Amino acid sequence: MPTSLQDTFAERKTTYQRTFAERKATNQPPARSQPMTNSKLRFRPALAKMKAYVPGEQPQGGKFIKLNTNENPYPPAPAVVEAIRAAADSRLERYPDPIGSSFRRMAAEKLGLPGPEWILCGNGSDEILTILVRGFMSDGDLLRMPTPSYILYRTLAEIQGARVEEVSFNADWSLPTAFSSPDGDPRLVFLPNPNSPSGTVLTPQAVSEIATALPCPLVVDEAYGDFAEENCIDLVKQHENVLVTRTLSKSYSLAGLRFGFLVAQPHVIAELTKIKDSYNCDAIAIAAATAAMASSDWLVDNRAKILATRERAKEQLRQLGFDVLDSAANFLWCTHPSRSLKPLYEALKTNQVLVRYMDYAGWGDGLRITIGTDAQIDAALVVLARLMQANA
């Protein structure tokens, strides 16, 4: 038995490392945390009951074709690189603008909003989601979300001590009336639109009807909104309870900088500003995000390239026997009518092609494939076709 707190941690560290290595080999997430005996550390009970969110793999070496986390395969706009260099040479010894004023002005202009007071900046849209949960949820409150979708919503709710209700999409990826029901007194509802992993999208009219029926805020997560034909920004002006989140990680090629924002009515922004960290966005990220938002022509060209590659990849994947949904995002959701896709996912990884494997209760499993460059997609499809033929 360990004789000291240090021994306790050493023993647990060794056990955890061995278990983690075993789970990593079988692609299992880390186990739920267990309360430590003989420790002065008293974690909140909610932590012992929850699972940590497991992001997509970020390989640190090797020559992988990386199609697993929906990053943009192209570099950011040239103006962004120039803005980063200028910011790095200018007053980094000072704290940044606490509210990201330059970005708020630019975003309001580009999105057709009445003014910058409709924008809240965040350290990635995930921080915005965290702020929203902290702002609207108390212990025991109900958060509603669709499934299959972004499982981080559940994680954030459980951290806050909230209850989670998952409402399954219909077979055609529409939502049942239960999603917009006031039953259960939901305090916050998340709607990813376009959705991940499906890439499907609800029309603004459908979202408006959901918002009208709900007794609480509806957070429309538009992480992939720039790839869709329509968005819900204008609904914010019509509905007090519609809040739209955006990220610059996907369409603007800034996943490595972490910048996102919220669009909501000014009094909502004012209340949520009380919750955010004092300097939550650094000076370089603010400068880069502002330059990115200003680069409208670059966005149009980048989007066109990705959508063209997406449509070509969709048809080729269907020819290989996959069921592939039409997508309004920068990825494709692929299922197969007769085989489990876990072995194929593992074989792709062995061949240095990373995609995202997901398995949902009641829906089965599938591969979510990010749209890379034409060269990346071509190379991945060659490997995929070979593996499919070898295991026919």
Protein backbone atom coordinates (compact mmCIF):
# COMPACT_ATOMS: atom_id res chain seq x y z
CA MET A 1 0.00 0.00 0.00
CA PRO A 2 1.25 3.51 -0.69
CA THR A 3 2.56 5.25 2.40
CA SER A 4 2.24 8.87 1.29
CA LEU A 5 0.28 11.16 -0.98
CA GLN A 6 3.25 11.14 -3.37
CA ASP A 7 3.23 7.32 -3.45
CA THR A 8 -0.52 7.33 -4.08
CA PHE A 9 -0.14 9.58 -7.11
CA ALA A 10 2.85 7.60 -8.41
CA GLU A 11 0.92 4.34 -8.21
CA ARG A 12 -2.16 5.83 -9.86
CA LYS A 13 -0.03 7.46 -12.57
CA THR A 14 1.56 4.11 -13.46
CA THR A 15 -1.84 2.39 -13.55
CA TYR A 16 -3.37 5.17 -15.64
CA GLN A 17 -0.49 5.18 -18.14
CA ARG A 18 -0.78 1.41 -18.60
CA THR A 19 -4.57 1.60 -19.00
CA PHE A 20 -4.35 4.59 -21.35
CA ALA A 21 -1.84 2.74 -23.56
CA GLU A 22 -4.17 -0.27 -23.73
CA ARG A 23 -7.16 1.89 -24.56
CA LYS A 24 -5.21 3.88 -27.15
CA ALA A 25 -4.28 0.66 -28.90
CA THR A 26 -7.97 -0.19 -29.23
CA ASN A 27 -9.07 3.42 -29.88
CA GLN A 28 -11.04 3.66 -26.63
CA PRO A 29 -11.47 6.96 -24.77
CA PRO A 30 -9.96 7.40 -21.31
CA ALA A 31 -11.95 5.83 -18.51
CA ARG A 32 -14.13 7.91 -16.23
CA SER A 33 -12.27 9.48 -13.36
CA GLN A 34 -12.46 7.70 -10.01
CA PRO A 35 -12.39 9.38 -6.60
CA MET A 36 -8.94 9.20 -5.01
CA THR A 37 -8.73 7.76 -1.53
CA ASN A 38 -6.46 9.32 1.08
CA SER A 39 -6.25 12.52 -0.95
CA LYS A 40 -6.80 16.14 0.01
CA LEU A 41 -8.15 16.82 -3.48
CA ARG A 42 -11.94 16.91 -3.50
CA PHE A 43 -13.23 17.13 -7.05
CA ARG A 44 -16.86 17.98 -7.69
CA PRO A 45 -19.00 14.80 -7.66
CA ALA A 46 -20.23 15.58 -11.19
CA LEU A 47 -16.74 14.98 -12.57
CA ALA A 48 -16.66 11.37 -11.42
CA LYS A 49 -19.88 10.68 -13.33
CA MET A 50 -18.89 12.19 -16.67
CA LYS A 51 -16.67 11.31 -19.60
CA ALA A 52 -14.15 13.78 -20.95
CA TYR A 53 -14.64 14.98 -24.51
CA VAL A 54 -12.15 13.23 -26.80
CA PRO A 55 -11.11 15.44 -29.75
CA GLY A 56 -9.84 14.09 -33.05
CA GLU A 57 -6.26 12.90 -33.25
CA GLN A 58 -3.56 15.49 -33.90
CA PRO A 59 -0.51 13.48 -35.04
CA GLN A 60 2.81 15.05 -34.14
CA GLY A 61 4.88 13.10 -36.63
CA GLY A 62 4.64 11.04 -39.80
CA LYS A 63 3.16 11.91 -43.17
CA PHE A 64 -0.53 11.48 -42.51
CA ILE A 65 -3.31 12.50 -44.84
CA LYS A 66 -5.31 14.27 -42.15
CA LEU A 67 -9.03 14.21 -42.84
CA ASN A 68 -10.40 13.76 -39.32
CA THR A 69 -11.07 17.13 -37.66
CA ASN A 70 -12.67 19.26 -40.40
CA GLU A 71 -9.81 21.72 -40.68
CA ASN A 72 -9.46 23.80 -43.83
CA PRO A 73 -6.71 22.26 -46.01
CA TYR A 74 -5.57 25.60 -47.41
CA PRO A 75 -3.50 28.37 -45.77
CA PRO A 76 -5.34 31.47 -44.50
CA ALA A 77 -5.67 34.62 -46.58
CA PRO A 78 -2.39 36.50 -47.22
CA ALA A 79 -3.79 39.48 -45.30
CA VAL A 80 -4.07 37.26 -42.22
CA VAL A 81 -0.38 36.38 -42.30
CA GLU A 82 0.51 40.06 -42.69
CA ALA A 83 -1.74 40.97 -39.74
CA ILE A 84 -0.10 38.32 -37.56
CA ARG A 85 3.37 39.65 -38.36
CA ALA A 86 2.31 43.22 -37.64
CA ALA A 87 0.68 42.22 -34.34
CA ALA A 88 3.78 40.27 -33.30
CA ASP A 89 5.88 43.39 -33.80
CA SER A 90 3.52 45.67 -31.90
CA ARG A 91 3.08 46.01 -28.15
CA LEU A 92 2.78 42.36 -27.11
CA GLU A 93 3.89 43.48 -23.66
CA ARG A 94 0.43 45.04 -23.26
CA TYR A 95 -2.83 43.24 -22.64
CA PRO A 96 -5.12 42.97 -25.68
CA ASP A 97 -8.39 44.79 -26.26
CA PRO A 98 -10.70 42.93 -23.82
CA ILE A 99 -13.68 42.95 -26.20
CA GLY A 100 -11.95 42.64 -29.60
CA SER A 101 -13.36 45.93 -30.90
CA SER A 102 -11.73 45.79 -34.34
CA PHE A 103 -13.13 42.33 -35.02
CA ARG A 104 -16.58 43.25 -33.74
CA ARG A 105 -16.77 46.21 -36.09
CA MET A 106 -15.60 44.17 -39.08
CA ALA A 107 -17.90 41.23 -38.33
CA ALA A 108 -20.92 43.50 -37.88
CA GLU A 109 -20.19 45.11 -41.26
CA LYS A 110 -19.69 41.82 -43.12
CA LEU A 111 -22.72 40.11 -41.55
CA GLY A 112 -25.09 43.04 -42.00
CA LEU A 113 -25.66 43.62 -38.30
CA PRO A 114 -26.73 46.99 -36.86
CA GLY A 115 -23.51 47.41 -34.88
CA PRO A 116 -20.61 45.75 -33.02
CA GLU A 117 -22.69 45.43 -29.86
CA TRP A 118 -24.29 42.36 -31.50
CA ILE A 119 -20.97 40.44 -31.32
CA LEU A 120 -19.18 38.64 -28.46
CA CYS A 121 -15.65 37.36 -29.16
CA GLY A 122 -14.35 34.08 -27.79
CA ASN A 123 -11.28 31.88 -27.69
CA GLY A 124 -12.78 29.56 -30.28
CA SER A 125 -16.51 28.93 -30.54
CA ASP A 126 -16.11 26.21 -27.90
CA GLU A 127 -15.42 28.96 -25.35
CA ILE A 128 -18.59 30.70 -26.53
CA LEU A 129 -20.52 27.48 -25.92
CA THR A 130 -19.00 27.32 -22.43
CA ILE A 131 -20.02 30.91 -21.71
CA LEU A 132 -23.58 30.16 -22.83
CA VAL A 133 -23.87 27.12 -20.57
CA ARG A 134 -22.45 29.07 -17.63
CA GLY A 135 -24.81 31.96 -18.34
CA PHE A 136 -28.07 30.06 -18.70
CA MET A 137 -27.70 26.77 -16.82
CA SER A 138 -27.82 26.06 -13.10
CA ASP A 139 -27.39 22.79 -11.25
CA GLY A 140 -30.20 20.42 -12.23
CA ASP A 141 -31.46 22.49 -15.18
CA LEU A 142 -32.30 20.76 -18.45
CA LEU A 143 -30.23 21.18 -21.61
CA ARG A 144 -31.64 19.75 -24.83
CA MET A 145 -29.62 18.68 -27.85
CA PRO A 146 -30.16 16.56 -30.95
CA THR A 147 -28.43 13.26 -31.56
CA PRO A 148 -26.27 12.32 -33.35
CA SER A 149 -24.46 15.65 -33.05
CA TYR A 150 -21.62 17.44 -31.26
CA ILE A 151 -21.07 15.58 -27.98
CA LEU A 152 -19.23 18.50 -26.39
CA TYR A 153 -22.67 19.96 -25.60
CA ARG A 154 -23.26 17.11 -23.16
CA THR A 155 -19.83 17.51 -21.62
CA LEU A 156 -20.34 21.23 -20.97
CA ALA A 157 -23.76 20.62 -19.44
CA GLU A 158 -22.45 17.90 -17.13
CA ILE A 159 -19.60 20.13 -15.97
CA GLN A 160 -22.26 22.65 -14.97
CA GLY A 161 -24.27 19.99 -13.14
CA ALA A 162 -27.13 20.19 -15.63
CA ARG A 163 -29.30 17.38 -16.94
CA VAL A 164 -29.17 16.50 -20.64
CA GLU A 165 -32.02 15.41 -22.89
CA GLU A 166 -31.04 14.03 -26.29
CA VAL A 167 -33.70 14.09 -29.01
CA SER A 168 -32.96 11.84 -31.96
CA PHE A 169 -33.11 13.18 -35.48
CA ASN A 170 -35.71 11.61 -37.73
CA ALA A 171 -34.49 9.17 -40.37
CA ASP A 172 -34.38 12.01 -42.93
CA TRP A 173 -32.37 14.21 -40.49
CA SER A 174 -35.27 16.52 -39.77
CA LEU A 175 -36.22 17.07 -36.13
CA PRO A 176 -39.35 15.75 -34.41
CA THR A 177 -41.77 18.09 -32.64
CA ALA A 178 -40.36 16.89 -29.30
CA PHE A 179 -37.23 18.92 -30.00
CA SER A 180 -39.15 22.20 -29.77
CA SER A 181 -41.53 21.13 -27.01
CA PRO A 182 -41.67 23.13 -23.75
CA ASP A 183 -42.09 19.85 -21.85
CA GLY A 184 -39.47 19.39 -19.17
CA ASP A 185 -38.80 23.14 -18.96
CA PRO A 186 -35.56 23.24 -20.98
CA ARG A 187 -33.31 26.17 -20.09
CA LEU A 188 -31.05 25.95 -23.17
CA VAL A 189 -31.25 24.13 -26.51
CA PHE A 190 -28.32 23.50 -28.84
CA LEU A 191 -28.80 23.03 -32.58
CA PRO A 192 -25.73 22.45 -34.77
CA ASN A 193 -26.66 23.70 -38.24
CA PRO A 194 -25.12 22.34 -40.43
CA ASN A 195 -24.99 19.29 -38.22
CA SER A 196 -21.98 17.11 -37.54
CA PRO A 197 -21.50 14.28 -38.36
CA SER A 198 -24.26 14.27 -40.97
CA GLY A 199 -23.53 17.56 -42.76
CA THR A 200 -27.28 18.10 -43.07
CA VAL A 201 -28.88 21.50 -42.57
CA LEU A 202 -32.27 22.88 -41.54
CA THR A 203 -33.69 25.88 -43.36
CA PRO A 204 -33.92 29.25 -41.58
CA GLN A 205 -37.70 28.88 -41.69
CA ALA A 206 -37.53 25.56 -39.84
CA VAL A 207 -35.15 27.04 -37.27
CA SER A 208 -37.44 30.04 -36.81
CA GLU A 209 -40.37 27.73 -36.07
CA ILE A 210 -38.31 25.85 -33.47
CA ALA A 211 -37.28 29.12 -31.80
CA THR A 212 -40.88 30.33 -31.69
CA ALA A 213 -42.05 27.14 -29.99
CA LEU A 214 -39.26 26.94 -27.42
CA PRO A 215 -39.51 28.66 -24.00
CA CYS A 216 -35.74 29.23 -23.81
CA PRO A 217 -32.66 30.29 -25.82
CA LEU A 218 -31.94 28.35 -29.01
CA VAL A 219 -28.21 28.27 -29.76
CA VAL A 220 -27.66 27.72 -33.48
CA ASP A 221 -24.11 26.43 -33.80
CA GLU A 222 -22.97 27.51 -37.28
CA ALA A 223 -19.40 26.24 -37.11
CA TYR A 224 -19.85 25.12 -40.72
CA GLY A 225 -22.26 27.87 -41.72
CA ASP A 226 -20.04 29.43 -44.38
CA PHE A 227 -20.21 26.22 -46.42
CA ALA A 228 -24.02 26.19 -46.47
CA GLU A 229 -26.26 28.07 -48.90
CA GLU A 230 -28.26 29.74 -46.10
CA ASN A 231 -27.63 30.76 -42.50
CA CYS A 232 -29.57 31.97 -39.47
CA ILE A 233 -27.85 35.30 -38.78
CA ASP A 234 -30.94 37.31 -39.74
CA LEU A 235 -33.05 35.28 -37.29
CA VAL A 236 -31.14 36.93 -34.45
CA LYS A 237 -32.79 40.24 -35.35
CA GLN A 238 -36.24 38.63 -35.34
CA HIS A 239 -35.99 36.39 -32.26
CA GLU A 240 -34.57 37.42 -28.90
CA ASN A 241 -33.97 33.76 -28.08
CA VAL A 242 -31.94 32.90 -31.21
CA LEU A 243 -28.19 33.00 -30.57
CA VAL A 244 -25.79 32.07 -33.38
CA THR A 245 -22.23 30.86 -32.79
CA ARG A 246 -19.49 30.95 -35.43
CA THR A 247 -15.85 29.89 -35.62
CA LEU A 248 -12.92 30.93 -37.79
CA SER A 249 -11.38 27.46 -37.54
CA LYS A 250 -13.16 25.95 -40.54
CA SER A 251 -13.90 28.35 -43.38
CA TYR A 252 -11.13 30.84 -42.52
CA SER A 253 -8.27 28.34 -41.92
CA LEU A 254 -7.55 29.58 -38.38
CA ALA A 255 -7.99 26.40 -36.31
CA GLY A 256 -4.54 26.88 -34.81
CA LEU A 257 -5.30 30.38 -33.48
CA ARG A 258 -8.62 29.72 -31.69
CA PHE A 259 -11.15 32.43 -32.41
CA GLY A 260 -14.94 32.29 -32.47
CA PHE A 261 -17.84 34.60 -31.81
CA LEU A 262 -21.48 34.87 -30.86
CA VAL A 263 -24.19 36.85 -32.63
CA ALA A 264 -27.06 37.87 -30.37
CA GLN A 265 -29.15 40.90 -29.48
CA PRO A 266 -27.19 43.59 -27.60
CA HIS A 267 -28.76 43.05 -24.17
CA VAL A 268 -27.90 39.34 -24.41
CA ILE A 269 -24.30 40.17 -25.34
CA ALA A 270 -24.09 42.61 -22.41
CA GLU A 271 -25.14 39.95 -19.90
CA LEU A 272 -22.85 37.26 -21.29
CA THR A 273 -19.89 39.66 -21.32
CA LYS A 274 -20.03 39.53 -17.51
CA ILE A 275 -19.07 35.84 -17.66
CA LYS A 276 -16.16 35.79 -20.07
CA ASP A 277 -12.54 35.95 -18.92
CA SER A 278 -11.14 39.46 -18.81
CA TYR A 279 -8.74 39.03 -21.76
CA ASN A 280 -10.08 35.91 -23.41
CA CYS A 281 -8.75 36.65 -26.92
CA ASP A 282 -5.10 37.51 -27.46
CA ALA A 283 -3.87 40.38 -29.63
CA ILE A 284 -2.55 38.16 -32.43
CA ALA A 285 -5.80 36.21 -32.66
CA ILE A 286 -7.87 39.41 -32.76
CA ALA A 287 -5.68 40.88 -35.51
CA ALA A 288 -5.75 37.68 -37.55
CA ALA A 289 -9.50 37.21 -37.16
CA THR A 290 -10.19 40.80 -38.19
CA ALA A 291 -8.05 40.42 -41.32
CA ALA A 292 -9.71 37.10 -42.12
CA MET A 293 -13.20 38.54 -41.82
CA ALA A 294 -12.19 41.37 -44.15
CA SER A 295 -10.92 38.93 -46.81
CA SER A 296 -14.26 38.34 -48.53
CA ASP A 297 -12.81 37.43 -51.95
CA TRP A 298 -10.50 34.84 -50.40
CA LEU A 299 -13.46 33.26 -48.57
CA VAL A 300 -15.49 32.99 -51.77
CA ASP A 301 -12.62 31.34 -53.66
CA ASN A 302 -11.72 28.98 -50.81
CA ARG A 303 -15.32 27.90 -50.34
CA ALA A 304 -15.71 27.19 -54.06
CA LYS A 305 -12.64 24.95 -54.10
CA ILE A 306 -13.78 22.94 -51.10
CA LEU A 307 -17.34 22.51 -52.37
CA ALA A 308 -16.12 21.34 -55.79
CA THR A 309 -13.85 18.75 -54.17
CA ARG A 310 -16.64 17.70 -51.82
CA GLU A 311 -19.08 16.96 -54.64
CA ARG A 312 -16.50 14.97 -56.59
CA ALA A 313 -15.51 12.97 -53.50
CA LYS A 314 -19.16 12.27 -52.70
CA GLU A 315 -19.77 10.62 -56.06
CA GLN A 316 -16.56 8.59 -55.90
CA LEU A 317 -17.37 7.33 -52.41
CA ARG A 318 -20.83 6.29 -53.57
CA GLN A 319 -19.22 4.36 -56.43
CA LEU A 320 -17.20 2.47 -53.81
CA GLY A 321 -20.43 1.29 -52.20
CA PHE A 322 -20.85 3.81 -49.38
CA ASP A 323 -24.07 5.55 -48.49
CA VAL A 324 -23.04 9.21 -48.48
CA LEU A 325 -25.33 12.03 -47.39
CA ASP A 326 -25.56 15.28 -49.30
CA SER A 327 -23.53 17.73 -47.22
CA ALA A 328 -23.76 21.45 -46.49
CA ALA A 329 -20.39 21.40 -44.71
CA ASN A 330 -16.72 20.67 -45.43
CA PHE A 331 -17.01 16.95 -44.73
CA LEU A 332 -18.96 13.87 -45.79
CA TRP A 333 -20.73 11.31 -43.59
CA CYS A 334 -20.25 7.81 -44.99
CA THR A 335 -22.01 4.66 -43.84
CA HIS A 336 -22.10 1.22 -45.42
CA PRO A 337 -25.18 -0.97 -45.95
CA SER A 338 -23.51 -4.28 -45.08
CA ARG A 339 -20.32 -3.88 -43.05
CA SER A 340 -18.98 -2.37 -39.88
CA LEU A 341 -16.55 0.43 -40.63
CA LYS A 342 -14.32 0.14 -37.56
CA PRO A 343 -11.87 -2.28 -39.27
CA LEU A 344 -11.71 -0.01 -42.30
CA TYR A 345 -11.01 3.00 -40.09
CA GLU A 346 -8.15 1.13 -38.43
CA ALA A 347 -6.77 0.00 -41.78
CA LEU A 348 -6.87 3.56 -43.12
CA LYS A 349 -4.97 4.74 -40.06
CA THR A 350 -2.34 2.04 -40.60
CA ASN A 351 -1.97 3.41 -44.12
CA GLN A 352 -1.54 6.95 -42.72
CA VAL A 353 -5.00 8.19 -43.65
CA LEU A 354 -6.84 9.72 -40.70
CA VAL A 355 -10.63 10.01 -40.78
CA ARG A 356 -13.11 10.20 -37.88
CA TYR A 357 -14.86 7.01 -36.85
CA MET A 358 -18.14 7.41 -34.97
CA ASP A 359 -20.67 4.91 -33.66
CA TYR A 360 -24.05 6.10 -32.40
CA ALA A 361 -26.62 3.99 -30.57
CA GLY A 362 -29.58 3.38 -32.84
CA TRP A 363 -27.78 4.77 -35.88
CA GLY A 364 -24.82 2.49 -36.37
CA ASP A 365 -21.32 3.53 -37.28
CA GLY A 366 -19.78 5.64 -40.01
CA LEU A 367 -16.77 7.56 -41.21
CA ARG A 368 -16.73 11.34 -41.26
CA ILE A 369 -14.27 12.41 -43.93
CA THR A 370 -13.00 15.99 -44.02
CA ILE A 371 -12.66 17.56 -47.45
CA GLY A 372 -8.95 18.11 -48.06
CA THR A 373 -7.15 19.33 -51.13
CA ASP A 374 -7.77 17.51 -54.41
CA ALA A 375 -4.43 15.75 -54.01
CA GLN A 376 -5.24 14.63 -50.45
CA ILE A 377 -8.68 13.34 -51.42
CA ASP A 378 -7.32 11.52 -54.48
CA ALA A 379 -4.62 9.81 -52.41
CA ALA A 380 -7.09 8.85 -49.68
CA LEU A 381 -9.54 7.42 -52.21
CA VAL A 382 -6.82 5.27 -53.77
CA VAL A 383 -6.05 3.75 -50.37
CA LEU A 384 -9.74 3.37 -49.56
CA ALA A 385 -10.52 1.63 -52.86
CA ARG A 386 -7.63 -0.79 -52.35
CA LEU A 387 -8.75 -1.65 -48.83
CA MET A 388 -12.36 -2.14 -49.92
CA GLN A 389 -11.29 -4.47 -52.72
CA ALA A 390 -9.01 -6.46 -50.43
CA ASN A 391 -11.86 -7.03 -47.98
CA ALA A 392 -14.70 -7.49 -50.46
